[in-house]
Protein backbone atom coordinates (compact mmCIF):
# COMPACT_ATOMS: atom_id res chain seq x y z
CA MET A 1 -2.23 -8.41 1.19
CA THR A 2 -3.46 -5.26 -0.57
CA PRO A 3 -1.41 -2.97 -2.79
CA GLU A 4 -1.62 -0.21 -0.34
CA ALA A 5 -0.12 -2.59 2.43
CA PHE A 6 2.57 -3.49 0.23
CA ASP A 7 3.39 0.10 -0.38
CA ALA A 8 3.06 1.00 3.26
CA VAL A 9 5.56 -1.69 4.47
CA CYS A 10 7.88 -0.41 1.73
CA ALA A 11 7.37 3.16 2.47
CA GLY A 12 7.88 2.64 6.27
CA LEU A 13 11.53 1.23 5.73
CA PRO A 14 14.28 3.95 6.18
CA GLY A 15 15.62 5.70 3.23
CA THR A 16 13.10 4.29 0.67
CA ARG A 17 11.41 5.63 -2.46
CA MET A 18 9.08 4.66 -5.06
CA ASP A 19 9.66 5.16 -8.98
CA VAL A 20 7.19 4.27 -11.48
CA GLN A 21 8.98 2.41 -14.31
CA TRP A 22 8.48 0.01 -17.13
CA GLY A 23 4.90 1.00 -17.97
CA GLY A 24 3.48 1.32 -14.54
CA GLU A 25 5.55 -0.99 -12.22
CA ASN A 26 5.95 0.71 -8.86
CA VAL A 27 9.67 0.02 -8.13
CA TRP A 28 10.78 0.46 -4.39
CA LYS A 29 14.43 1.34 -3.93
CA VAL A 30 16.62 2.08 -1.16
CA GLY A 31 19.40 4.58 -2.35
CA ASP A 32 19.55 3.78 -6.10
CA LYS A 33 19.09 -0.04 -5.83
CA MET A 34 15.75 -1.75 -6.32
CA PHE A 35 14.56 -4.35 -3.53
CA ALA A 36 10.94 -4.87 -4.37
CA VAL A 37 8.36 -4.27 -7.41
CA ARG A 38 4.82 -4.22 -7.52
CA SER A 39 2.80 -4.51 -10.81
CA PRO A 40 -0.30 -2.78 -11.81
CA ASP A 41 -1.70 -6.34 -12.64
CA GLY A 42 -1.24 -7.44 -8.97
CA GLY A 43 1.95 -9.67 -9.39
CA PHE A 44 4.83 -8.70 -7.17
CA SER A 45 8.71 -9.56 -7.03
CA PHE A 46 11.58 -8.91 -4.43
CA LYS A 47 15.22 -9.89 -3.82
CA ALA A 48 15.62 -13.01 -1.70
CA SER A 49 18.34 -14.87 0.19
CA ASP A 50 20.05 -17.85 -1.53
CA ILE A 51 18.12 -20.20 0.68
CA ALA A 52 14.66 -17.98 0.50
CA PHE A 53 14.77 -18.31 -3.19
CA GLU A 54 15.44 -22.08 -3.30
CA VAL A 55 12.52 -22.39 -0.89
CA LEU A 56 9.95 -20.41 -2.45
CA THR A 57 10.70 -21.26 -6.17
CA GLU A 58 11.35 -24.94 -5.91
CA THR A 59 8.67 -26.14 -3.02
CA GLY A 60 6.84 -22.96 -2.59
CA PRO A 61 4.44 -20.72 -4.20
CA GLY A 62 6.98 -18.22 -6.02
CA LYS A 63 8.76 -18.59 -9.42
CA PRO A 64 12.03 -17.26 -10.25
CA ALA A 65 11.56 -13.62 -11.76
CA PRO A 66 11.86 -12.87 -15.27
CA TYR A 67 15.25 -11.25 -15.80
CA LEU A 68 16.17 -11.01 -12.33
CA ALA A 69 16.09 -14.76 -11.47
CA ARG A 70 20.09 -15.19 -11.57
CA ALA A 71 20.08 -12.29 -8.81
CA LYS A 72 17.88 -14.47 -6.57
CA TRP A 73 14.61 -12.55 -7.17
CA VAL A 74 11.37 -14.12 -6.57
CA TRP A 75 8.01 -13.28 -8.41
CA PHE A 76 4.48 -13.91 -7.31
CA GLU A 77 1.65 -13.98 -9.84
CA ALA A 78 -0.92 -12.38 -7.35
CA LEU A 79 -0.80 -10.18 -4.31
CA SER A 80 -4.00 -10.71 -3.27
CA GLY A 81 -4.38 -13.83 -1.23
CA GLN A 82 -0.83 -13.65 0.32
CA ASP A 83 -0.33 -13.49 3.92
CA GLU A 84 0.25 -10.03 5.02
CA ALA A 85 2.86 -11.14 7.81
CA ASP A 86 4.86 -13.21 5.34
CA VAL A 87 4.91 -10.56 2.49
CA ALA A 88 6.05 -7.72 5.02
CA ASP A 89 8.76 -10.08 6.10
CA TRP A 90 9.99 -10.99 2.69
CA LEU A 91 9.99 -7.20 1.89
CA LYS A 92 11.99 -6.42 5.14
CA THR A 93 14.52 -9.01 4.45
CA ALA A 94 14.88 -7.79 0.65
CA TYR A 95 15.44 -4.28 1.86
CA GLY A 96 18.15 -5.50 4.45
CA LEU A 97 19.67 -7.45 1.62
CA ILE A 98 20.17 -4.42 -0.73
CA ALA A 99 20.82 -1.90 2.04
CA ALA A 100 23.71 -3.77 3.16
CA LYS A 101 25.24 -3.54 -0.23
CA LEU A 102 25.25 0.32 -0.26
CA THR A 103 28.37 2.12 0.48
CA ARG A 104 28.81 3.37 4.24
CA LYS A 105 28.74 6.84 2.69
CA GLN A 106 25.12 6.06 1.08
CA GLN A 107 24.09 4.38 4.16
CA ALA A 108 24.89 7.26 6.48
CA GLU A 109 23.37 9.71 3.61
CA LEU A 110 20.06 7.62 4.05
CA GLY A 111 20.09 7.62 7.67
CA LEU A 112 20.58 3.96 7.93
CA PRO A 113 22.10 2.25 11.27
């Protein structure tokens, strides 16, 4: 997957925005809560469900994300070489997990279903 494709998936989700934080990290948010991060060095991380976190970090290619592992964030060293469909699914799931935690008012303001 390319960085542009990663950003396109995130930008295509309702109510999202991207902030550049922490020295160049592209932080994707829904409302004021982040759901994915893409690093300028090619790495990326995202919020995962409990089961996906276990699968991706114990037997899969991911690692617990530094500083965010206890919140079930998965980190990958490189975006290149990752299957585009898999990454898109992970990002959409991350978005859904975070969007569901927003208040009803926030969801309505963002036009979320």
